Amino acid sequence: MNIYFVGFMGCGKSHYSKMLSREVMMPAFDMDNIIEDLEGTNIYDLFFEKGEEYFREVEHQVLQDLIKINKGYLIACGGGTPCFNNNMDLMNQKGATIYLKASKEFLLERLKKSRTSRPLIAMMNNLELKEFIDKTLDEREAFYKQATSIIDIEKITLPIFVQTIHKCLNQL
């Protein structure tokens, strides 16, 4: 069974999937990295050169390919992955989805530091970034909450995170 990490950009999907990979001896993949390899460009350029619609189609195809493999992978999804093309339903049918939940304030502080590498927020000032997080998280949260498990990541340590993941998986 594959485990899909979902949540807003900056919540730690890539970080936690890599850390958990070492702890539970499961390979981890980052959907954005796979897309970059397939397309031969970075997400930032792909997004702006070919548009969000094209990106979402490629993202959906990558997800379908990962679902077909279904070999027990940890998969860090993009922040918008669950919100398009019925992706959340697909992930829930074929594996476990774990929503890495964080407050808007926590996300704002994290994203201020990494905005240049994220196409949707690269050119935003702090006020625009805050408004974007407020609006977009409100829109996406309904999709994220369809996850099979929810973990509040703001104060969690790696050992507790690993223990929580095992608990979530045992409940499936």
Protein backbone atom coordinates (compact mmCIF):
# COMPACT_ATOMS: atom_id res chain seq x y z
CA MET A 1 0.00 0.00 0.00
CA ASN A 2 1.22 3.50 -0.84
CA ILE A 3 1.04 6.31 1.70
CA TYR A 4 0.24 9.74 0.27
CA PHE A 5 1.18 12.84 2.25
CA VAL A 6 -1.12 15.76 1.49
CA GLY A 7 -1.37 19.28 2.82
CA PHE A 8 -0.64 22.89 2.01
CA MET A 9 2.71 23.93 0.58
CA GLY A 10 5.26 24.35 3.33
CA CYS A 11 3.70 21.87 5.74
CA GLY A 12 6.60 19.41 5.39
CA LYS A 13 5.30 16.70 3.06
CA SER A 14 8.68 16.19 1.38
CA HIS A 15 10.61 16.49 4.63
CA TYR A 16 8.48 14.05 6.58
CA SER A 17 8.28 11.50 3.77
CA LYS A 18 12.09 11.42 3.56
CA MET A 19 12.48 11.18 7.33
CA LEU A 20 9.84 8.48 7.62
CA SER A 21 11.40 6.56 4.73
CA ARG A 22 14.53 5.96 6.80
CA GLU A 23 12.55 4.98 9.88
CA VAL A 24 10.17 2.48 8.25
CA MET A 25 12.42 1.33 5.40
CA MET A 26 10.00 2.34 2.64
CA PRO A 27 11.10 4.29 -0.46
CA ALA A 28 9.93 7.89 -0.64
CA PHE A 29 9.05 9.85 -3.75
CA ASP A 30 8.22 13.50 -4.26
CA MET A 31 5.68 14.09 -7.02
CA ASP A 32 7.17 17.46 -7.92
CA ASN A 33 10.62 15.87 -8.38
CA ILE A 34 9.12 13.16 -10.60
CA ILE A 35 7.37 15.81 -12.70
CA GLU A 36 10.59 17.81 -13.02
CA ASP A 37 12.46 14.70 -14.21
CA LEU A 38 9.74 13.81 -16.73
CA GLU A 39 9.39 17.32 -18.10
CA GLY A 40 13.09 18.18 -18.02
CA THR A 41 12.49 21.47 -16.22
CA ASN A 42 11.72 22.73 -12.75
CA ILE A 43 8.18 23.16 -11.43
CA TYR A 44 8.53 26.95 -11.41
CA ASP A 45 9.35 27.13 -15.14
CA LEU A 46 6.86 24.43 -16.09
CA PHE A 47 4.07 26.24 -14.28
CA PHE A 48 4.78 29.56 -15.96
CA GLU A 49 5.68 28.29 -19.43
CA LYS A 50 2.88 25.77 -19.91
CA GLY A 51 0.33 26.90 -17.31
CA GLU A 52 -1.42 25.43 -14.32
CA GLU A 53 -3.86 23.35 -16.40
CA TYR A 54 -1.01 21.54 -18.16
CA PHE A 55 0.79 21.06 -14.84
CA ARG A 56 -2.32 19.56 -13.22
CA GLU A 57 -2.73 17.09 -16.11
CA VAL A 58 0.89 15.96 -15.82
CA GLU A 59 0.49 15.74 -12.04
CA HIS A 60 -2.62 13.57 -12.45
CA GLN A 61 -0.80 11.23 -14.86
CA VAL A 62 2.14 10.87 -12.46
CA LEU A 63 -0.29 10.05 -9.66
CA GLN A 64 -2.02 7.42 -11.79
CA ASP A 65 1.35 5.88 -12.62
CA LEU A 66 2.33 5.76 -8.94
CA ILE A 67 -1.02 4.18 -8.06
CA LYS A 68 -0.47 1.47 -10.68
CA ILE A 69 2.89 0.59 -9.16
CA ASN A 70 1.43 0.41 -5.63
CA LYS A 71 4.54 -1.15 -4.08
CA GLY A 72 4.49 0.40 -0.64
CA TYR A 73 5.87 3.86 -1.29
CA LEU A 74 5.73 7.07 0.70
CA ILE A 75 4.63 9.81 -1.69
CA ALA A 76 4.85 13.54 -1.01
CA CYS A 77 2.10 15.11 -3.12
CA GLY A 78 2.01 18.69 -4.30
CA GLY A 79 -0.15 21.04 -2.25
CA GLY A 80 -2.84 21.14 -4.93
CA THR A 81 -2.74 17.47 -5.92
CA PRO A 82 -5.78 16.40 -3.84
CA CYS A 83 -7.89 19.26 -5.21
CA PHE A 84 -7.89 18.42 -8.90
CA ASN A 85 -8.95 15.60 -11.24
CA ASN A 86 -10.56 13.47 -8.52
CA ASN A 87 -7.06 12.79 -7.15
CA MET A 88 -8.07 12.59 -3.48
CA ASP A 89 -10.61 9.86 -4.20
CA LEU A 90 -8.01 7.94 -6.23
CA MET A 91 -5.46 8.12 -3.42
CA ASN A 92 -7.99 7.11 -0.77
CA GLN A 93 -9.08 4.11 -2.86
CA LYS A 94 -5.54 2.88 -3.46
CA GLY A 95 -3.69 3.70 -0.25
CA ALA A 96 -3.57 5.76 2.91
CA THR A 97 -3.69 9.54 2.79
CA ILE A 98 -2.20 11.55 5.62
CA TYR A 99 -3.00 15.23 5.92
CA LEU A 100 -0.12 17.13 7.48
CA LYS A 101 -2.12 19.94 9.05
CA ALA A 102 -0.66 23.30 10.05
CA SER A 103 -2.10 26.68 10.98
CA LYS A 104 -2.09 29.60 8.59
CA GLU A 105 0.39 31.45 10.82
CA PHE A 106 2.80 28.50 10.84
CA LEU A 107 2.57 28.16 7.05
CA LEU A 108 3.12 31.89 6.54
CA GLU A 109 6.36 31.82 8.53
CA ARG A 110 7.62 28.76 6.66
CA LEU A 111 6.65 30.06 3.22
CA LYS A 112 8.22 33.49 3.73
CA LYS A 113 11.57 31.67 3.72
CA SER A 114 11.00 29.52 0.62
CA ARG A 115 8.70 31.51 -1.66
CA THR A 116 11.20 31.93 -4.51
CA SER A 117 11.15 28.19 -5.28
CA ARG A 118 7.34 27.99 -5.33
CA PRO A 119 5.66 29.19 -8.54
CA LEU A 120 2.32 30.17 -7.05
CA ILE A 121 3.86 32.53 -4.49
CA ALA A 122 7.26 33.49 -5.91
CA MET A 123 6.40 37.12 -6.67
CA MET A 124 4.21 37.86 -3.64
CA ASN A 125 5.02 40.28 -0.84
CA ASN A 126 4.23 39.28 2.76
CA LEU A 127 0.69 40.70 2.73
CA GLU A 128 -0.14 39.03 -0.59
CA LEU A 129 1.32 35.77 0.72
CA LYS A 130 -0.83 35.95 3.85
CA GLU A 131 -3.96 36.62 1.78
CA PHE A 132 -3.06 33.78 -0.59
CA ILE A 133 -2.63 31.33 2.29
CA ASP A 134 -5.90 32.45 3.89
CA LYS A 135 -7.89 32.06 0.67
CA THR A 136 -6.22 28.97 -0.77
CA LEU A 137 -6.10 26.96 2.46
CA ASP A 138 -9.79 27.71 3.01
CA GLU A 139 -10.52 26.38 -0.51
CA ARG A 140 -8.33 23.28 -0.20
CA GLU A 141 -9.03 22.24 3.38
CA ALA A 142 -12.19 20.34 2.42
CA PHE A 143 -10.09 18.13 0.16
CA TYR A 144 -7.31 17.69 2.73
CA LYS A 145 -9.82 16.69 5.42
CA GLN A 146 -10.89 13.72 3.27
CA ALA A 147 -7.57 12.09 4.19
CA THR A 148 -7.67 8.80 6.03
CA SER A 149 -5.59 10.38 8.85
CA ILE A 150 -4.75 13.90 10.00
CA ILE A 151 -1.58 14.86 11.86
CA ASP A 152 -1.00 18.32 13.33
CA ILE A 153 2.67 18.83 12.52
CA GLU A 154 3.41 22.06 14.33
CA LYS A 155 4.81 20.57 17.53
CA ILE A 156 5.42 16.96 16.61
CA THR A 157 8.80 15.24 16.95
CA LEU A 158 10.05 12.58 14.55
CA PRO A 159 9.59 9.66 17.02
CA ILE A 160 6.03 10.75 17.76
CA PHE A 161 5.42 11.27 14.04
CA VAL A 162 6.63 7.73 13.25
CA GLN A 163 4.53 6.30 16.08
CA THR A 164 1.49 8.23 14.82
CA ILE A 165 1.99 6.96 11.27
CA HIS A 166 2.16 3.36 12.52
CA LYS A 167 -1.02 3.93 14.54
CA CYS A 168 -2.78 5.43 11.49
CA LEU A 169 -1.76 2.52 9.29
CA ASN A 170 -2.86 -0.07 11.83
CA GLN A 171 -6.33 1.48 11.83
CA LEU A 172 -6.73 0.96 8.08
